[in-house]
Amino acid sequence: MATELSFVEYVRDQMQGAGQITFRKMFGEYALYCDGKVVALVCDNQVFVKPTAGGRAKLDSITEAPPYPGAKPHFLIGEELDDQRAMAELIRLTASELPLPAPKKAKPKKTT
């Protein structure tokens, strides 16, 4: 079952206050970014947050599951999603512990 755009928009709205929240469609599902860092994936209308020590300390009960076959386990977010303040804090903590993505290298020009 593919993720619905309206669900991704709801998730983004619940994360407001953590920083600049954006999303991008990837492989039929979605990646959520906070200030340019991938902090969560939305797959099959479920939210998977990248695991960090701060996130682990913030969540009361933790369910870990891979967002897709072969992926490392992420925090599977359930009822916490409905608490906008808690979600924003979780995403803010997660983003603060993740490194910035490596800059993309420029492709060399082809000579003809």
PDB file of N, CA and C in Angstrom:
ATOM      1  N   MET A   1       0.846  -1.175   0.000  1.00  0.00           N
ATOM      2  CA  MET A   1       0.000   0.000   0.000  1.00  0.00           C
ATOM      3  C   MET A   1       0.891   1.238   0.000  1.00  0.00           C
ATOM      4  N   ALA A   2       0.720   2.100  -0.943  1.00  0.00           N
ATOM      5  CA  ALA A   2       1.531   3.308  -1.038  1.00  0.00           C
ATOM      6  C   ALA A   2       1.041   4.353  -0.035  1.00  0.00           C
ATOM      7  N   THR A   3       1.946   5.214   0.352  1.00  0.00           N
ATOM      8  CA  THR A   3       1.621   6.282   1.289  1.00  0.00           C
ATOM      9  C   THR A   3       0.820   7.370   0.589  1.00  0.00           C
ATOM     10  N   GLU A   4      -0.176   7.884   1.265  1.00  0.00           N
ATOM     11  CA  GLU A   4      -1.003   8.960   0.720  1.00  0.00           C
ATOM     12  C   GLU A   4      -0.341  10.303   1.010  1.00  0.00           C
ATOM     13  N   LEU A   5      -0.359  11.193   0.020  1.00  0.00           N
ATOM     14  CA  LEU A   5       0.239  12.516   0.164  1.00  0.00           C
ATOM     15  C   LEU A   5      -0.379  13.273   1.337  1.00  0.00           C
ATOM     16  N   SER A   6      -1.682  13.143   1.534  1.00  0.00           N
ATOM     17  CA  SER A   6      -2.342  13.856   2.636  1.00  0.00           C
ATOM     18  C   SER A   6      -1.783  13.409   3.990  1.00  0.00           C
ATOM     19  N   PHE A   7      -1.415  12.137   4.115  1.00  0.00           N
ATOM     20  CA  PHE A   7      -0.823  11.650   5.362  1.00  0.00           C
ATOM     21  C   PHE A   7       0.560  12.258   5.568  1.00  0.00           C
ATOM     22  N   VAL A   8       1.355  12.334   4.512  1.00  0.00           N
ATOM     23  CA  VAL A   8       2.696  12.928   4.611  1.00  0.00           C
ATOM     24  C   VAL A   8       2.587  14.398   5.007  1.00  0.00           C
ATOM     25  N   GLU A   9       1.632  15.105   4.440  1.00  0.00           N
ATOM     26  CA  GLU A   9       1.430  16.510   4.799  1.00  0.00           C
ATOM     27  C   GLU A   9       1.028  16.645   6.267  1.00  0.00           C
ATOM     28  N   TYR A  10       0.194  15.737   6.763  1.00  0.00           N
ATOM     29  CA  TYR A  10      -0.185  15.741   8.179  1.00  0.00           C
ATOM     30  C   TYR A  10       1.045  15.517   9.057  1.00  0.00           C
ATOM     31  N   VAL A  11       1.876  14.544   8.688  1.00  0.00           N
ATOM     32  CA  VAL A  11       3.096  14.260   9.451  1.00  0.00           C
ATOM     33  C   VAL A  11       3.990  15.492   9.466  1.00  0.00           C
ATOM     34  N   ARG A  12       4.177  16.114   8.305  1.00  0.00           N
ATOM     35  CA  ARG A  12       4.989  17.334   8.230  1.00  0.00           C
ATOM     36  C   ARG A  12       4.435  18.402   9.167  1.00  0.00           C
ATOM     37  N   ASP A  13       3.124  18.597   9.151  1.00  0.00           N
ATOM     38  CA  ASP A  13       2.505  19.604  10.011  1.00  0.00           C
ATOM     39  C   ASP A  13       2.714  19.283  11.490  1.00  0.00           C
ATOM     40  N   GLN A  14       2.689  18.010  11.852  1.00  0.00           N
ATOM     41  CA  GLN A  14       2.899  17.609  13.243  1.00  0.00           C
ATOM     42  C   GLN A  14       4.336  17.862  13.697  1.00  0.00           C
ATOM     43  N   MET A  15       5.267  17.978  12.762  1.00  0.00           N
ATOM     44  CA  MET A  15       6.676  18.204  13.093  1.00  0.00           C
ATOM     45  C   MET A  15       7.046  19.687  13.105  1.00  0.00           C
ATOM     46  N   GLN A  16       6.107  20.557  12.738  1.00  0.00           N
ATOM     47  CA  GLN A  16       6.397  21.986  12.697  1.00  0.00           C
ATOM     48  C   GLN A  16       6.878  22.458  14.066  1.00  0.00           C
ATOM     49  N   GLY A  17       7.849  23.317  14.058  1.00  0.00           N
ATOM     50  CA  GLY A  17       8.446  23.796  15.298  1.00  0.00           C
ATOM     51  C   GLY A  17       9.792  23.159  15.560  1.00  0.00           C
ATOM     52  N   ALA A  18      10.109  22.093  14.831  1.00  0.00           N
ATOM     53  CA  ALA A  18      11.408  21.431  14.999  1.00  0.00           C
ATOM     54  C   ALA A  18      12.480  22.104  14.156  1.00  0.00           C
ATOM     55  N   GLY A  19      12.076  22.796  13.135  1.00  0.00           N
ATOM     56  CA  GLY A  19      12.987  23.409  12.167  1.00  0.00           C
ATOM     57  C   GLY A  19      12.271  23.470  10.837  1.00  0.00           C
ATOM     58  N   GLN A  20      13.027  23.631   9.759  1.00  0.00           N
ATOM     59  CA  GLN A  20      12.414  23.650   8.434  1.00  0.00           C
ATOM     60  C   GLN A  20      12.133  22.206   8.011  1.00  0.00           C
ATOM     61  N   ILE A  21      10.863  21.847   7.953  1.00  0.00           N
ATOM     62  CA  ILE A  21      10.451  20.482   7.629  1.00  0.00           C
ATOM     63  C   ILE A  21      10.018  20.422   6.165  1.00  0.00           C
ATOM     64  N   THR A  22      10.658  19.534   5.421  1.00  0.00           N
ATOM     65  CA  THR A  22      10.310  19.314   4.022  1.00  0.00           C
ATOM     66  C   THR A  22      10.214  17.812   3.783  1.00  0.00           C
ATOM     67  N   PHE A  23       9.649  17.446   2.649  1.00  0.00           N
ATOM     68  CA  PHE A  23       9.609  16.026   2.300  1.00  0.00           C
ATOM     69  C   PHE A  23       9.867  15.861   0.819  1.00  0.00           C
ATOM     70  N   ARG A  24      10.284  14.652   0.474  1.00  0.00           N
ATOM     71  CA  ARG A  24      10.597  14.329  -0.912  1.00  0.00           C
ATOM     72  C   ARG A  24      10.175  12.884  -1.173  1.00  0.00           C
ATOM     73  N   LYS A  25       9.562  12.683  -2.326  1.00  0.00           N
ATOM     74  CA  LYS A  25       9.154  11.331  -2.704  1.00  0.00           C
ATOM     75  C   LYS A  25      10.383  10.561  -3.148  1.00  0.00           C
ATOM     76  N   MET A  26      10.537   9.366  -2.597  1.00  0.00           N
ATOM     77  CA  MET A  26      11.678   8.518  -2.932  1.00  0.00           C
ATOM     78  C   MET A  26      11.211   7.075  -3.022  1.00  0.00           C
ATOM     79  N   PHE A  27      11.449   6.444  -4.139  1.00  0.00           N
ATOM     80  CA  PHE A  27      11.136   5.027  -4.328  1.00  0.00           C
ATOM     81  C   PHE A  27       9.680   4.707  -4.002  1.00  0.00           C
ATOM     82  N   GLY A  28       8.782   5.613  -4.305  1.00  0.00           N
ATOM     83  CA  GLY A  28       7.361   5.388  -4.065  1.00  0.00           C
ATOM     84  C   GLY A  28       6.896   5.740  -2.671  1.00  0.00           C
ATOM     85  N   GLU A  29       7.815   6.057  -1.777  1.00  0.00           N
ATOM     86  CA  GLU A  29       7.476   6.471  -0.415  1.00  0.00           C
ATOM     87  C   GLU A  29       8.090   7.852  -0.175  1.00  0.00           C
ATOM     88  N   TYR A  30       8.240   8.279   1.066  1.00  0.00           N
ATOM     89  CA  TYR A  30       8.677   9.648   1.342  1.00  0.00           C
ATOM     90  C   TYR A  30       9.772   9.701   2.401  1.00  0.00           C
ATOM     91  N   ALA A  31      10.691  10.643   2.204  1.00  0.00           N
ATOM     92  CA  ALA A  31      11.696  10.980   3.208  1.00  0.00           C
ATOM     93  C   ALA A  31      11.334  12.353   3.759  1.00  0.00           C
ATOM     94  N   LEU A  32      11.422  12.508   5.074  1.00  0.00           N
ATOM     95  CA  LEU A  32      11.167  13.794   5.725  1.00  0.00           C
ATOM     96  C   LEU A  32      12.486  14.372   6.203  1.00  0.00           C
ATOM     97  N   TYR A  33      12.657  15.657   5.953  1.00  0.00           N
ATOM     98  CA  TYR A  33      13.891  16.357   6.282  1.00  0.00           C
ATOM     99  C   TYR A  33      13.614  17.431   7.322  1.00  0.00           C
ATOM    100  N   CYS A  34      14.569  17.616   8.219  1.00  0.00           N
ATOM    101  CA  CYS A  34      14.553  18.737   9.158  1.00  0.00           C
ATOM    102  C   CYS A  34      15.854  19.490   8.950  1.00  0.00           C
ATOM    103  N   ASP A  35      15.749  20.704   8.473  1.00  0.00           N
ATOM    104  CA  ASP A  35      16.925  21.535   8.199  1.00  0.00           C
ATOM    105  C   ASP A  35      17.933  20.808   7.311  1.00  0.00           C
ATOM    106  N   GLY A  36      17.424  20.107   6.296  1.00  0.00           N
ATOM    107  CA  GLY A  36      18.282  19.449   5.318  1.00  0.00           C
ATOM    108  C   GLY A  36      18.764  18.062   5.688  1.00  0.00           C
ATOM    109  N   LYS A  37      18.402  17.565   6.866  1.00  0.00           N
ATOM    110  CA  LYS A  37      18.818  16.229   7.308  1.00  0.00           C
ATOM    111  C   LYS A  37      17.628  15.281   7.239  1.00  0.00           C
ATOM    112  N   VAL A  38      17.832  14.084   6.696  1.00  0.00           N
ATOM    113  CA  VAL A  38      16.758  13.085   6.689  1.00  0.00           C
ATOM    114  C   VAL A  38      16.568  12.600   8.124  1.00  0.00           C
ATOM    115  N   VAL A  39      15.377  12.830   8.664  1.00  0.00           N
ATOM    116  CA  VAL A  39      15.093  12.439  10.046  1.00  0.00           C
ATOM    117  C   VAL A  39      14.066  11.321  10.143  1.00  0.00           C
ATOM    118  N   ALA A  40      13.290  11.130   9.081  1.00  0.00           N
ATOM    119  CA  ALA A  40      12.232  10.121   9.138  1.00  0.00           C
ATOM    120  C   ALA A  40      11.850   9.668   7.737  1.00  0.00           C
ATOM    121  N   LEU A  41      11.246   8.501   7.682  1.00  0.00           N
ATOM    122  CA  LEU A  41      10.687   7.961   6.447  1.00  0.00           C
ATOM    123  C   LEU A  41       9.212   7.680   6.688  1.00  0.00           C
ATOM    124  N   VAL A  42       8.412   7.879   5.665  1.00  0.00           N
ATOM    125  CA  VAL A  42       7.004   7.514   5.732  1.00  0.00           C
ATOM    126  C   VAL A  42       6.787   6.441   4.679  1.00  0.00           C
ATOM    127  N   CYS A  43       6.463   5.246   5.139  1.00  0.00           N
ATOM    128  CA  CYS A  43       6.259   4.090   4.263  1.00  0.00           C
ATOM    129  C   CYS A  43       4.939   3.422   4.640  1.00  0.00           C
ATOM    130  N   ASP A  44       4.101   3.190   3.655  1.00  0.00           N
ATOM    131  CA  ASP A  44       2.802   2.545   3.893  1.00  0.00           C
ATOM    132  C   ASP A  44       2.008   3.254   4.989  1.00  0.00           C
ATOM    133  N   ASN A  45       2.008   4.584   4.942  1.00  0.00           N
ATOM    134  CA  ASN A  45       1.291   5.410   5.918  1.00  0.00           C
ATOM    135  C   ASN A  45       1.714   5.133   7.355  1.00  0.00           C
ATOM    136  N   GLN A  46       2.989   4.806   7.544  1.00  0.00           N
ATOM    137  CA  GLN A  46       3.573   4.656   8.875  1.00  0.00           C
ATOM    138  C   GLN A  46       4.816   5.536   8.941  1.00  0.00           C
ATOM    139  N   VAL A  47       5.095   6.083  10.131  1.00  0.00           N
ATOM    140  CA  VAL A  47       6.227   6.992  10.322  1.00  0.00           C
ATOM    141  C   VAL A  47       7.356   6.257  11.028  1.00  0.00           C
ATOM    142  N   PHE A  48       8.537   6.314  10.423  1.00  0.00           N
ATOM    143  CA  PHE A  48       9.739   5.684  10.956  1.00  0.00           C
ATOM    144  C   PHE A  48      10.786   6.773  11.172  1.00  0.00           C
ATOM    145  N   VAL A  49      11.146   7.035  12.429  1.00  0.00           N
ATOM    146  CA  VAL A  49      12.126   8.070  12.763  1.00  0.00           C
ATOM    147  C   VAL A  49      13.488   7.415  12.953  1.00  0.00           C
ATOM    148  N   LYS A  50      14.526   8.075  12.429  1.00  0.00           N
ATOM    149  CA  LYS A  50      15.881   7.543  12.589  1.00  0.00           C
ATOM    150  C   LYS A  50      16.203   7.421  14.077  1.00  0.00           C
ATOM    151  N   PRO A  51      16.783   6.311  14.479  1.00  0.00           N
ATOM    152  CA  PRO A  51      17.077   6.121  15.902  1.00  0.00           C
ATOM    153  C   PRO A  51      18.293   6.930  16.348  1.00  0.00           C
ATOM    154  N   THR A  52      18.141   7.619  17.466  1.00  0.00           N
ATOM    155  CA  THR A  52      19.240   8.358  18.095  1.00  0.00           C
ATOM    156  C   THR A  52      19.108   8.180  19.610  1.00  0.00           C
ATOM    157  N   ALA A  53      20.174   8.500  20.326  1.00  0.00           N
ATOM    158  CA  ALA A  53      20.133   8.400  21.790  1.00  0.00           C
ATOM    159  C   ALA A  53      19.099   9.364  22.367  1.00  0.00           C
ATOM    160  N   GLY A  54      19.050  10.581  21.847  1.00  0.00           N
ATOM    161  CA  GLY A  54      18.077  11.559  22.323  1.00  0.00           C
ATOM    162  C   GLY A  54      16.646  11.127  22.067  1.00  0.00           C
ATOM    163  N   GLY A  55      16.408  10.555  20.901  1.00  0.00           N
ATOM    164  CA  GLY A  55      15.078  10.055  20.576  1.00  0.00           C
ATOM    165  C   GLY A  55      14.684   8.904  21.478  1.00  0.00           C
ATOM    166  N   ARG A  56      15.637   8.031  21.753  1.00  0.00           N
ATOM    167  CA  ARG A  56      15.374   6.887  22.632  1.00  0.00           C
ATOM    168  C   ARG A  56      15.002   7.381  24.039  1.00  0.00           C
ATOM    169  N   ALA A  57      15.683   8.421  24.519  1.00  0.00           N
ATOM    170  CA  ALA A  57      15.392   8.967  25.847  1.00  0.00           C
ATOM    171  C   ALA A  57      14.042   9.689  25.872  1.00  0.00           C
ATOM    172  N   LYS A  58      13.654  10.280  24.758  1.00  0.00           N
ATOM    173  CA  LYS A  58      12.417  11.062  24.680  1.00  0.00           C
ATOM    174  C   LYS A  58      11.167  10.185  24.640  1.00  0.00           C
ATOM    175  N   LEU A  59      11.241   9.069  23.925  1.00  0.00           N
ATOM    176  CA  LEU A  59      10.065   8.213  23.753  1.00  0.00           C
ATOM    177  C   LEU A  59       9.812   7.364  24.999  1.00  0.00           C
ATOM    178  N   ASP A  60       8.554   7.285  25.411  1.00  0.00           N
ATOM    179  CA  ASP A  60       8.191   6.476  26.579  1.00  0.00           C
ATOM    180  C   ASP A  60       8.315   4.991  26.280  1.00  0.00           C
ATOM    181  N   SER A  61       7.667   4.557  25.246  1.00  0.00           N
ATOM    182  CA  SER A  61       7.776   3.160  24.831  1.00  0.00           C
ATOM    183  C   SER A  61       8.245   3.153  23.379  1.00  0.00           C
ATOM    184  N   ILE A  62       9.138   2.241  23.082  1.00  0.00           N
ATOM    185  CA  ILE A  62       9.763   2.240  21.760  1.00  0.00           C
ATOM    186  C   ILE A  62       9.444   0.945  21.035  1.00  0.00           C
ATOM    187  N   THR A  63       8.959   1.104  19.830  1.00  0.00           N
ATOM    188  CA  THR A  63       8.798  -0.022  18.915  1.00  0.00           C
ATOM    189  C   THR A  63       9.748   0.241  17.765  1.00  0.00           C
ATOM    190  N   GLU A  64      10.619  -0.705  17.494  1.00  0.00           N
ATOM    191  CA  GLU A  64      11.545  -0.551  16.381  1.00  0.00           C
ATOM    192  C   GLU A  64      11.160  -1.521  15.275  1.00  0.00           C
ATOM    193  N   ALA A  65      11.231  -1.026  14.043  1.00  0.00           N
ATOM    194  CA  ALA A  65      10.912  -1.851  12.880  1.00  0.00           C
ATOM    195  C   ALA A  65      11.609  -1.248  11.671  1.00  0.00           C
ATOM    196  N   PRO A  66      11.944  -2.077  10.693  1.00  0.00           N
ATOM    197  CA  PRO A  66      12.537  -1.530   9.472  1.00  0.00           C
ATOM    198  C   PRO A  66      11.444  -0.911   8.594  1.00  0.00           C
ATOM    199  N   PRO A  67      11.713   0.247   7.994  1.00  0.00           N
ATOM    200  CA  PRO A  67      10.702   0.879   7.139  1.00  0.00           C
ATOM    201  C   PRO A  67      10.451   0.117   5.839  1.00  0.00           C
ATOM    202  N   TYR A  68      11.429  -0.673   5.423  1.00  0.00           N
ATOM    203  CA  TYR A  68      11.301  -1.490   4.212  1.00  0.00           C
ATOM    204  C   TYR A  68      12.229  -2.688   4.373  1.00  0.00           C
ATOM    205  N   PRO A  69      12.011  -3.747   3.620  1.00  0.00           N
ATOM    206  CA  PRO A  69      12.840  -4.950   3.774  1.00  0.00           C
ATOM    207  C   PRO A  69      14.329  -4.654   3.575  1.00  0.00           C
ATOM    208  N   GLY A  70      15.136  -5.141   4.506  1.00  0.00           N
ATOM    209  CA  GLY A  70      16.576  -4.954   4.429  1.00  0.00           C
ATOM    210  C   GLY A  70      17.083  -3.685   5.092  1.00  0.00           C
ATOM    211  N   ALA A  71      16.192  -2.817   5.552  1.00  0.00           N
ATOM    212  CA  ALA A  71      16.595  -1.563   6.200  1.00  0.00           C
ATOM    213  C   ALA A  71      16.908  -1.804   7.671  1.00  0.00           C
ATOM    214  N   LYS A  72      17.732  -0.912   8.233  1.00  0.00           N
ATOM    215  CA  LYS A  72      17.992  -0.952   9.670  1.00  0.00           C
ATOM    216  C   LYS A  72      16.720  -0.525  10.412  1.00  0.00           C
ATOM    217  N   PRO A  73      16.522  -1.033  11.626  1.00  0.00           N
ATOM    218  CA  PRO A  73      15.329  -0.642  12.387  1.00  0.00           C
ATOM    219  C   PRO A  73      15.312   0.857  12.700  1.00  0.00           C
ATOM    220  N   HIS A  74      14.139   1.424  12.634  1.00  0.00           N
ATOM    221  CA  HIS A  74      13.868   2.814  12.989  1.00  0.00           C
ATOM    222  C   HIS A  74      12.821   2.796  14.100  1.00  0.00           C
ATOM    223  N   PHE A  75      12.618   3.950  14.747  1.00  0.00           N
ATOM    224  CA  PHE A  75      11.540   4.064  15.726  1.00  0.00           C
ATOM    225  C   PHE A  75      10.222   4.155  14.957  1.00  0.00           C
ATOM    226  N   LEU A  76       9.324   3.226  15.201  1.00  0.00           N
ATOM    227  CA  LEU A  76       8.001   3.249  14.584  1.00  0.00           C
ATOM    228  C   LEU A  76       7.100   4.110  15.463  1.00  0.00           C
ATOM    229  N   ILE A  77       6.600   5.186  14.904  1.00  0.00           N
ATOM    230  CA  ILE A  77       5.817   6.155  15.666  1.00  0.00           C
ATOM    231  C   ILE A  77       4.338   5.803  15.557  1.00  0.00           C
ATOM    232  N   GLY A  78       3.690   5.711  16.701  1.00  0.00           N
ATOM    233  CA  GLY A  78       2.264   5.393  16.747  1.00  0.00           C
ATOM    234  C   GLY A  78       1.471   6.590  17.236  1.00  0.00           C
ATOM    235  N   GLU A  79       0.929   6.468  18.446  1.00  0.00           N
ATOM    236  CA  GLU A  79       0.088   7.522  19.016  1.00  0.00           C
ATOM    237  C   GLU A  79       0.843   8.827  19.231  1.00  0.00           C
ATOM    238  N   GLU A  80       2.167   8.761  19.342  1.00  0.00           N
ATOM    239  CA  GLU A  80       2.967   9.980  19.546  1.00  0.00           C
ATOM    240  C   GLU A  80       2.752  10.980  18.413  1.00  0.00           C
ATOM    241  N   LEU A  81       2.395  10.483  17.251  1.00  0.00           N
ATOM    242  CA  LEU A  81       2.212  11.349  16.088  1.00  0.00           C
ATOM    243  C   LEU A  81       1.128  12.393  16.318  1.00  0.00           C
ATOM    244  N   ASP A  82       0.137  12.078  17.124  1.00  0.00           N
ATOM    245  CA  ASP A  82      -0.965  13.008  17.362  1.00  0.00           C
ATOM    246  C   ASP A  82      -0.605  14.138  18.322  1.00  0.00           C
ATOM    247  N   ASP A  83       0.539  14.053  18.992  1.00  0.00           N
ATOM    248  CA  ASP A  83       0.996  15.091  19.923  1.00  0.00           C
ATOM    249  C   ASP A  83       2.022  15.966  19.202  1.00  0.00           C
ATOM    250  N   GLN A  84       1.558  17.097  18.686  1.00  0.00           N
ATOM    251  CA  GLN A  84       2.415  17.963  17.863  1.00  0.00           C
ATOM    252  C   GLN A  84       3.654  18.437  18.615  1.00  0.00           C
ATOM    253  N   ARG A  85       3.497  18.810  19.853  1.00  0.00           N
ATOM    254  CA  ARG A  85       4.633  19.300  20.636  1.00  0.00           C
ATOM    255  C   ARG A  85       5.680  18.200  20.839  1.00  0.00           C
ATOM    256  N   ALA A  86       5.228  16.996  21.173  1.00  0.00           N
ATOM    257  CA  ALA A  86       6.145  15.875  21.384  1.00  0.00           C
ATOM    258  C   ALA A  86       6.850  15.489  20.085  1.00  0.00           C
ATOM    259  N   MET A  87       6.121  15.500  18.975  1.00  0.00           N
ATOM    260  CA  MET A  87       6.741  15.165  17.683  1.00  0.00           C
ATOM    261  C   MET A  87       7.796  16.197  17.304  1.00  0.00           C
ATOM    262  N   ALA A  88       7.491  17.465  17.489  1.00  0.00           N
ATOM    263  CA  ALA A  88       8.460  18.511  17.161  1.00  0.00           C
ATOM    264  C   ALA A  88       9.724  18.349  18.001  1.00  0.00           C
ATOM    265  N   GLU A  89       9.569  18.044  19.277  1.00  0.00           N
ATOM    266  CA  GLU A  89      10.729  17.858  20.153  1.00  0.00           C
ATOM    267  C   GLU A  89      11.534  16.626  19.739  1.00  0.00           C
ATOM    268  N   LEU A  90      10.852  15.528  19.423  1.00  0.00           N
ATOM    269  CA  LEU A  90      11.540  14.315  18.974  1.00  0.00           C
ATOM    270  C   LEU A  90      12.343  14.592  17.702  1.00  0.00           C
ATOM    271  N   ILE A  91      11.750  15.285  16.763  1.00  0.00           N
ATOM    272  CA  ILE A  91      12.438  15.568  15.498  1.00  0.00           C
ATOM    273  C   ILE A  91      13.582  16.549  15.724  1.00  0.00           C
ATOM    274  N   ARG A  92      13.396  17.527  16.586  1.00  0.00           N
ATOM    275  CA  ARG A  92      14.473  18.479  16.903  1.00  0.00           C
ATOM    276  C   ARG A  92      15.661  17.737  17.522  1.00  0.00           C
ATOM    277  N   LEU A  93      15.400  16.850  18.470  1.00  0.00           N
ATOM    278  CA  LEU A  93      16.472  16.057  19.093  1.00  0.00           C
ATOM    279  C   LEU A  93      17.165  15.167  18.064  1.00  0.00           C
ATOM    280  N   THR A  94      16.373  14.508  17.238  1.00  0.00           N
ATOM    281  CA  THR A  94      16.925  13.611  16.223  1.00  0.00           C
ATOM    282  C   THR A  94      17.825  14.379  15.264  1.00  0.00           C
ATOM    283  N   ALA A  95      17.341  15.495  14.754  1.00  0.00           N
ATOM    284  CA  ALA A  95      18.124  16.287  13.796  1.00  0.00           C
ATOM    285  C   ALA A  95      19.418  16.797  14.419  1.00  0.00           C
ATOM    286  N   SER A  96      19.374  17.154  15.696  1.00  0.00           N
ATOM    287  CA  SER A  96      20.578  17.693  16.344  1.00  0.00           C
ATOM    288  C   SER A  96      21.677  16.645  16.466  1.00  0.00           C
ATOM    289  N   GLU A  97      21.307  15.361  16.477  1.00  0.00           N
ATOM    290  CA  GLU A  97      22.294  14.289  16.622  1.00  0.00           C
ATOM    291  C   GLU A  97      22.772  13.712  15.294  1.00  0.00           C
ATOM    292  N   LEU A  98      22.124  14.077  14.217  1.00  0.00           N
ATOM    293  CA  LEU A  98      22.505  13.531  12.914  1.00  0.00           C
ATOM    294  C   LEU A  98      23.491  14.459  12.208  1.00  0.00           C
ATOM    295  N   PRO A  99      24.444  13.892  11.468  1.00  0.00           N
ATOM    296  CA  PRO A  99      25.388  14.735  10.726  1.00  0.00           C
ATOM    297  C   PRO A  99      24.714  15.356   9.504  1.00  0.00           C
ATOM    298  N   LEU A 100      25.282  16.448   9.049  1.00  0.00           N
ATOM    299  CA  LEU A 100      24.809  17.041   7.802  1.00  0.00           C
ATOM    300  C   LEU A 100      25.138  16.097   6.659  1.00  0.00           C
ATOM    301  N   PRO A 101      24.306  16.060   5.628  1.00  0.00           N
ATOM    302  CA  PRO A 101      24.631  15.199   4.489  1.00  0.00           C
ATOM    303  C   PRO A 101      25.892  15.691   3.792  1.00  0.00           C
ATOM    304  N   ALA A 102      26.640  14.752   3.249  1.00  0.00           N
ATOM    305  CA  ALA A 102      27.864  15.110   2.528  1.00  0.00           C
ATOM    306  C   ALA A 102      27.486  15.889   1.274  1.00  0.00           C
ATOM    307  N   PRO A 103      28.263  16.923   0.945  1.00  0.00           N
ATOM    308  CA  PRO A 103      27.952  17.674  -0.275  1.00  0.00           C
ATOM    309  C   PRO A 103      28.123  16.784  -1.500  1.00  0.00           C
ATOM    310  N   LYS A 104      27.248  16.984  -2.467  1.00  0.00           N
ATOM    311  CA  LYS A 104      27.329  16.191  -3.690  1.00  0.00           C
ATOM    312  C   LYS A 104      28.486  16.695  -4.538  1.00  0.00           C
ATOM    313  N   LYS A 105      29.197  15.753  -5.120  1.00  0.00           N
ATOM    314  CA  LYS A 105      30.309  16.110  -5.987  1.00  0.00           C
ATOM    315  C   LYS A 105      29.770  16.501  -7.353  1.00  0.00           C
ATOM    316  N   ALA A 106      30.396  17.493  -7.946  1.00  0.00           N
ATOM    317  CA  ALA A 106      30.002  17.916  -9.285  1.00  0.00           C
ATOM    318  C   ALA A 106      30.400  16.837 -10.284  1.00  0.00           C
ATOM    319  N   LYS A 107      29.512  16.583 -11.217  1.00  0.00           N
ATOM    320  CA  LYS A 107      29.815  15.589 -12.241  1.00  0.00           C
ATOM    321  C   LYS A 107      30.818  16.193 -13.222  1.00  0.00           C
ATOM    322  N   PRO A 108      31.815  15.411 -13.605  1.00  0.00           N
ATOM    323  CA  PRO A 108      32.778  15.947 -14.571  1.00  0.00           C
ATOM    324  C   PRO A 108      32.108  16.154 -15.926  1.00  0.00           C
ATOM    325  N   LYS A 109      32.547  17.203 -16.605  1.00  0.00           N
ATOM    326  CA  LYS A 109      31.994  17.494 -17.925  1.00  0.00           C
ATOM    327  C   LYS A 109      32.533  16.490 -18.924  1.00  0.00           C
ATOM    328  N   LYS A 110      31.644  16.077 -19.806  1.00  0.00           N
ATOM    329  CA  LYS A 110      32.056  15.142 -20.851  1.00  0.00           C
ATOM    330  C   LYS A 110      32.754  15.916 -21.958  1.00  0.00           C
ATOM    331  N   THR A 111      33.822  15.345 -22.433  1.00  0.00           N
ATOM    332  CA  THR A 111      34.507  15.962 -23.573  1.00  0.00           C
ATOM    333  C   THR A 111      34.122  15.182 -24.816  1.00  0.00           C
ATOM    334  N   THR A 112      33.828  15.911 -25.848  1.00  0.00           N
ATOM    335  CA  THR A 112      33.425  15.240 -27.091  1.00  0.00           C
ATOM    336  C   THR A 112      34.399  15.474 -28.193  1.00  0.00           C
TER     337      THR A 112
END
